[in-house]
Amino acid sequence: MVDTLVSEHDEISLRDLIALIWARRWLVLSIVIIATSVAGAAALIADKKYLATVTLSPASGSQNQLGALGSLAAQFGGVASLAGISLPGDSKRSESLAILQSEALTESYIRKNDLLPILYGDLWDPVGKKWKETDPKKIPTLWKANQYFKKSVRAVTTDPKTDLVTLTITWKDAELAARWANELVRMANEYSRDRAIQESERNIAYLNEQALKTDMLGVKQVIFTILQNEINKEMLARGNSEYALKVLDPAFTPERPSSPKLTLWLIMGFFGGLFWALFMVFVQNAWRSGGAQR
């Protein structure tokens, strides 16, 4: 009866549409249930991934830490620039973020912790301690691991309102995700500290050398002021383990996976099954109507 009613009109009214779907309700219901069940089962079977997060406050220079001394030294920027010395007030924020996301830091971390077999576990033979692939083009390298880590494992975002930085690690092992997040931040701080200490030591040596070359009291005063500033910078670097990135909230081992989300998969399965079921009903009705007209 429904097929006859629909075939008598070029356009289907809302009442006809509802009647058609109701007539095929068991088919629609069956497809929706199957699609939703398959989506739920897929979500339960799929590899779970965990999200570990570190909240950071990047350093923005040492002007406030050095106080009046920094303000005095800033008056002699010309002398300092000759030595390649950056005075307090120069922002370290961009540099800190660049180091945290740098390929050099990531590659160094992957190499030191031997993460290639972990990142590419499907290609690694744990018994033979070798790669399953023999083709050199398919064997993972540090460069490939670096790109994979940057695109799929690590993410760095900045909140424009608070200027706080969030580093996240997404991985199949919850404990490893938290460890990698904390250790990457610690490694970035160590790299920045060592770099700052080496720079200050180099600047101190240069300033001492220049002080011995001049007898002008005014020049010596400028040199000693900047020298004291460099000594303070070195002391601050040596005594501060969070030199570039202050950890406000370290990463903890997550207990719940971040993906796959079972609820989301069920919703997608439900609506996907509903769409497919309605599509089949309309195609079936059109085919029957075309056959009846012939």
Protein backbone atom coordinates (compact mmCIF):
# COMPACT_ATOMS: atom_id res chain seq x y z
CA MET A 1 0.00 0.00 0.00
CA VAL A 2 2.84 2.39 0.89
CA ASP A 3 4.66 1.62 -2.36
CA THR A 4 1.52 2.33 -4.38
CA LEU A 5 0.93 5.59 -2.52
CA VAL A 6 4.46 6.79 -3.07
CA SER A 7 4.55 5.82 -6.75
CA GLU A 8 1.46 7.90 -7.49
CA HIS A 9 3.28 11.16 -6.78
CA ASP A 10 6.42 12.70 -8.19
CA GLU A 11 7.26 14.15 -4.77
CA ILE A 12 6.98 12.39 -1.41
CA SER A 13 5.11 14.28 1.27
CA LEU A 14 6.22 14.24 4.90
CA ARG A 15 3.32 11.93 5.78
CA ASP A 16 4.31 9.54 2.98
CA LEU A 17 7.91 9.65 4.15
CA ILE A 18 6.97 8.77 7.71
CA ALA A 19 4.68 6.02 6.48
CA LEU A 20 7.47 4.57 4.32
CA ILE A 21 9.95 4.54 7.19
CA TRP A 22 7.36 3.04 9.54
CA ALA A 23 6.62 0.29 7.06
CA ARG A 24 10.34 -0.57 7.00
CA ARG A 25 10.89 0.10 10.70
CA TRP A 26 12.26 -3.36 11.47
CA LEU A 27 14.85 -3.07 8.72
CA VAL A 28 15.86 0.40 9.94
CA LEU A 29 16.03 -0.74 13.56
CA SER A 30 18.10 -3.80 12.70
CA ILE A 31 20.66 -1.82 10.71
CA VAL A 32 20.94 0.85 13.43
CA ILE A 33 21.46 -1.77 16.15
CA ILE A 34 24.08 -3.62 14.11
CA ALA A 35 25.97 -0.43 13.20
CA THR A 36 25.93 0.83 16.79
CA SER A 37 27.11 -2.53 18.12
CA VAL A 38 29.92 -2.75 15.59
CA ALA A 39 31.06 0.79 16.45
CA GLY A 40 31.00 -0.01 20.17
CA ALA A 41 32.94 -3.23 19.69
CA ALA A 42 35.50 -1.43 17.53
CA ALA A 43 35.98 1.21 20.23
CA LEU A 44 36.58 -1.49 22.85
CA ILE A 45 39.02 -3.41 20.67
CA ALA A 46 40.94 -0.40 19.30
CA ASP A 47 44.28 0.53 20.86
CA LYS A 48 43.78 2.90 23.77
CA LYS A 49 45.79 6.10 23.94
CA TYR A 50 46.51 8.17 27.03
CA LEU A 51 47.08 11.89 27.33
CA ALA A 52 49.69 13.26 29.77
CA THR A 53 49.82 17.04 30.28
CA VAL A 54 52.38 19.46 31.72
CA THR A 55 51.45 23.10 32.37
CA LEU A 56 54.36 25.52 32.07
CA SER A 57 55.23 29.17 32.52
CA PRO A 58 58.11 30.11 30.19
CA ALA A 59 60.78 32.48 31.45
CA SER A 60 60.59 35.99 29.99
CA GLY A 61 63.97 37.40 30.99
CA SER A 62 65.80 38.13 34.24
CA GLN A 63 65.13 41.87 34.56
CA ASN A 64 63.05 41.49 37.71
CA GLN A 65 65.51 39.07 39.26
CA LEU A 66 68.49 41.39 38.91
CA GLY A 67 66.65 44.54 39.96
CA ALA A 68 68.54 47.82 39.96
CA LEU A 69 71.72 46.20 38.72
CA GLY A 70 69.99 45.16 35.53
CA SER A 71 68.62 48.68 35.00
CA LEU A 72 72.10 50.17 35.46
CA ALA A 73 73.71 47.69 33.09
CA ALA A 74 71.04 48.32 30.48
CA GLN A 75 72.38 51.88 30.14
CA PHE A 76 75.56 50.50 28.63
CA GLY A 77 74.05 48.39 25.90
CA GLY A 78 76.59 49.61 23.36
CA VAL A 79 79.50 48.21 25.32
CA ALA A 80 77.69 44.95 25.96
CA SER A 81 76.72 44.53 22.32
CA LEU A 82 80.38 44.69 21.31
CA ALA A 83 80.93 41.55 23.37
CA GLY A 84 77.78 39.89 22.08
CA ILE A 85 76.27 40.04 25.57
CA SER A 86 72.48 40.15 25.96
CA LEU A 87 71.45 42.30 28.89
CA PRO A 88 68.50 41.61 31.20
CA GLY A 89 65.17 42.50 29.73
CA ASP A 90 65.68 40.42 26.56
CA SER A 91 62.73 38.08 26.32
CA LYS A 92 63.53 34.40 26.76
CA ARG A 93 59.98 33.24 26.13
CA SER A 94 60.25 32.58 22.40
CA GLU A 95 63.62 30.93 22.85
CA SER A 96 62.29 28.63 25.58
CA LEU A 97 59.34 27.51 23.45
CA ALA A 98 61.58 27.00 20.42
CA ILE A 99 63.91 24.77 22.44
CA LEU A 100 61.00 22.75 23.83
CA GLN A 101 59.74 22.02 20.31
CA SER A 102 63.11 21.80 18.60
CA GLU A 103 63.97 18.80 16.49
CA ALA A 104 67.43 18.71 18.04
CA LEU A 105 66.00 18.25 21.53
CA THR A 106 63.46 15.64 20.41
CA GLU A 107 66.01 13.68 18.42
CA SER A 108 68.44 13.74 21.32
CA TYR A 109 65.76 12.47 23.70
CA ILE A 110 64.75 9.66 21.34
CA ARG A 111 68.37 8.60 20.89
CA LYS A 112 69.34 8.75 24.58
CA ASN A 113 66.30 6.74 25.67
CA ASP A 114 66.39 4.29 22.73
CA LEU A 115 62.77 5.00 21.80
CA LEU A 116 62.86 3.76 18.22
CA PRO A 117 61.80 0.18 19.15
CA ILE A 118 59.00 1.64 21.32
CA LEU A 119 57.71 4.12 18.77
CA TYR A 120 57.78 1.46 16.05
CA GLY A 121 56.92 -1.60 18.10
CA ASP A 122 55.15 -3.31 15.18
CA LEU A 123 58.38 -3.32 13.19
CA TRP A 124 60.67 -4.42 16.01
CA ASP A 125 61.62 -8.01 16.87
CA PRO A 126 62.14 -8.02 20.67
CA VAL A 127 63.57 -11.54 20.65
CA GLY A 128 66.14 -11.02 17.91
CA LYS A 129 66.73 -7.38 18.92
CA LYS A 130 66.47 -6.26 15.31
CA TRP A 131 64.05 -4.76 12.82
CA LYS A 132 61.68 -7.09 11.03
CA GLU A 133 62.13 -5.11 7.82
CA THR A 134 65.25 -5.62 5.74
CA ASP A 135 64.61 -2.82 3.25
CA PRO A 136 66.68 0.20 4.42
CA LYS A 137 63.95 2.56 3.19
CA LYS A 138 61.40 0.96 5.52
CA ILE A 139 63.62 0.78 8.61
CA PRO A 140 62.80 3.60 11.08
CA THR A 141 65.41 6.33 11.51
CA LEU A 142 65.85 9.14 14.00
CA TRP A 143 64.56 11.61 11.41
CA LYS A 144 61.41 9.56 10.79
CA ALA A 145 60.88 9.12 14.52
CA ASN A 146 61.32 12.85 15.03
CA GLN A 147 58.64 13.64 12.46
CA TYR A 148 56.29 11.02 13.89
CA PHE A 149 56.83 12.29 17.43
CA LYS A 150 56.13 15.86 16.36
CA LYS A 151 52.96 15.05 14.41
CA SER A 152 51.35 12.30 16.49
CA VAL A 153 52.87 12.18 19.98
CA ARG A 154 53.85 15.64 21.24
CA ALA A 155 51.83 18.85 21.09
CA VAL A 156 52.62 22.29 22.51
CA THR A 157 49.90 24.93 22.83
CA THR A 158 49.80 28.42 24.33
CA ASP A 159 46.82 30.00 26.05
CA PRO A 160 46.54 33.53 24.60
CA LYS A 161 44.78 34.81 27.74
CA THR A 162 47.18 33.54 30.40
CA ASP A 163 50.31 32.98 28.25
CA LEU A 164 50.67 29.59 29.93
CA VAL A 165 52.04 26.77 27.84
CA THR A 166 50.74 23.21 27.78
CA LEU A 167 52.80 20.27 26.60
CA THR A 168 50.88 17.06 25.94
CA ILE A 169 52.10 13.57 25.14
CA THR A 170 49.67 11.07 23.61
CA TRP A 171 50.75 7.43 23.77
CA LYS A 172 49.48 3.88 24.23
CA ASP A 173 51.23 3.46 27.58
CA ALA A 174 49.96 5.83 30.29
CA GLU A 175 53.13 5.63 32.41
CA LEU A 176 55.39 6.30 29.43
CA ALA A 177 53.25 9.25 28.35
CA ALA A 178 53.68 10.95 31.73
CA ARG A 179 57.38 10.14 31.92
CA TRP A 180 58.11 11.49 28.44
CA ALA A 181 56.23 14.72 29.15
CA ASN A 182 58.12 15.44 32.38
CA GLU A 183 61.50 14.39 31.03
CA LEU A 184 61.19 16.49 27.87
CA VAL A 185 60.56 19.58 30.00
CA ARG A 186 63.46 18.71 32.29
CA MET A 187 65.75 18.16 29.30
CA ALA A 188 64.74 21.51 27.79
CA ASN A 189 65.54 23.24 31.08
CA GLU A 190 68.91 21.51 31.34
CA TYR A 191 69.78 22.49 27.79
CA SER A 192 68.83 26.14 28.45
CA ARG A 193 70.75 26.20 31.76
CA ASP A 194 73.91 24.77 30.24
CA ARG A 195 73.69 27.17 27.34
CA ALA A 196 73.20 30.19 29.65
CA ILE A 197 76.11 29.12 31.89
CA GLN A 198 78.45 28.67 28.94
CA GLU A 199 77.42 32.05 27.54
CA SER A 200 78.00 33.80 30.87
CA GLU A 201 81.37 32.12 31.33
CA ARG A 202 82.41 33.24 27.87
CA ASN A 203 81.21 36.79 28.53
CA ILE A 204 82.96 36.95 31.92
CA ALA A 205 86.24 35.89 30.35
CA TYR A 206 85.86 38.53 27.64
CA LEU A 207 85.00 41.32 30.10
CA ASN A 208 87.94 40.46 32.36
CA GLU A 209 90.21 40.61 29.35
CA GLN A 210 88.86 44.01 28.32
CA ALA A 211 89.18 45.38 31.86
CA LEU A 212 92.90 44.61 31.84
CA LYS A 213 93.37 46.47 28.56
CA THR A 214 92.06 49.87 29.70
CA ASP A 215 93.08 52.41 32.34
CA MET A 216 90.02 54.64 31.90
CA LEU A 217 88.04 54.70 35.13
CA GLY A 218 84.69 55.27 33.40
CA VAL A 219 85.16 52.34 31.01
CA LYS A 220 86.29 50.09 33.85
CA GLN A 221 83.14 51.02 35.80
CA VAL A 222 80.94 50.09 32.86
CA ILE A 223 82.81 46.81 32.35
CA PHE A 224 82.62 45.86 36.04
CA THR A 225 78.89 46.67 36.13
CA ILE A 226 78.22 44.39 33.17
CA LEU A 227 80.62 41.81 34.61
CA GLN A 228 78.65 41.72 37.86
CA ASN A 229 75.50 41.25 35.82
CA GLU A 230 77.00 38.26 34.00
CA ILE A 231 78.16 36.73 37.30
CA ASN A 232 74.62 37.06 38.66
CA LYS A 233 73.19 35.50 35.52
CA GLU A 234 75.54 32.53 35.89
CA MET A 235 74.61 32.11 39.56
CA LEU A 236 70.89 32.21 38.73
CA ALA A 237 71.33 29.62 36.01
CA ARG A 238 73.34 27.27 38.21
CA GLY A 239 70.90 27.52 41.10
CA ASN A 240 67.66 27.18 39.14
CA SER A 241 66.69 23.78 37.77
CA GLU A 242 63.66 25.34 36.04
CA TYR A 243 65.71 28.01 34.32
CA ALA A 244 63.64 28.36 31.11
CA LEU A 245 60.36 26.60 31.87
CA LYS A 246 58.72 26.75 35.28
CA VAL A 247 56.52 23.70 35.87
CA LEU A 248 53.18 24.74 37.35
CA ASP A 249 51.53 21.34 37.03
CA PRO A 250 53.63 18.24 36.19
CA ALA A 251 52.30 15.30 34.24
CA PHE A 252 50.73 12.44 36.20
CA THR A 253 50.00 8.95 34.93
CA PRO A 254 46.47 9.11 33.46
CA GLU A 255 44.10 6.37 34.57
CA ARG A 256 41.57 6.80 31.77
CA PRO A 257 42.34 6.69 28.05
CA SER A 258 41.78 9.82 26.04
CA SER A 259 40.81 7.78 22.99
CA PRO A 260 38.91 6.01 21.65
CA LYS A 261 35.86 7.59 23.33
CA LEU A 262 33.20 4.88 23.59
CA THR A 263 30.28 7.33 23.78
CA LEU A 264 31.43 9.19 20.67
CA TRP A 265 31.88 5.98 18.72
CA LEU A 266 28.41 4.77 19.73
CA ILE A 267 26.85 8.04 18.61
CA MET A 268 28.70 7.88 15.30
CA GLY A 269 27.63 4.26 14.83
CA PHE A 270 24.02 5.12 15.61
CA PHE A 271 23.74 8.00 13.16
CA GLY A 272 25.84 6.23 10.55
CA GLY A 273 23.56 3.18 10.77
CA LEU A 274 20.45 5.37 10.64
CA PHE A 275 21.70 7.16 7.53
CA TRP A 276 22.56 3.88 5.82
CA ALA A 277 19.23 2.32 6.78
CA LEU A 278 17.19 5.26 5.41
CA PHE A 279 19.30 5.24 2.26
CA MET A 280 18.55 1.55 1.73
CA VAL A 281 14.83 2.09 2.36
CA PHE A 282 14.61 4.89 -0.22
CA VAL A 283 16.67 2.98 -2.79
CA GLN A 284 14.56 -0.13 -2.25
CA ASN A 285 11.35 1.87 -2.58
CA ALA A 286 12.58 3.62 -5.75
CA TRP A 287 13.56 0.29 -7.30
CA ARG A 288 10.17 -1.24 -6.50
CA SER A 289 8.35 1.81 -7.75
CA GLY A 290 10.30 1.74 -11.01
CA GLY A 291 9.52 -1.94 -11.44
CA ALA A 292 5.81 -1.36 -10.78
CA GLN A 293 5.67 1.42 -13.40
CA ARG A 294 7.25 -0.83 -16.02
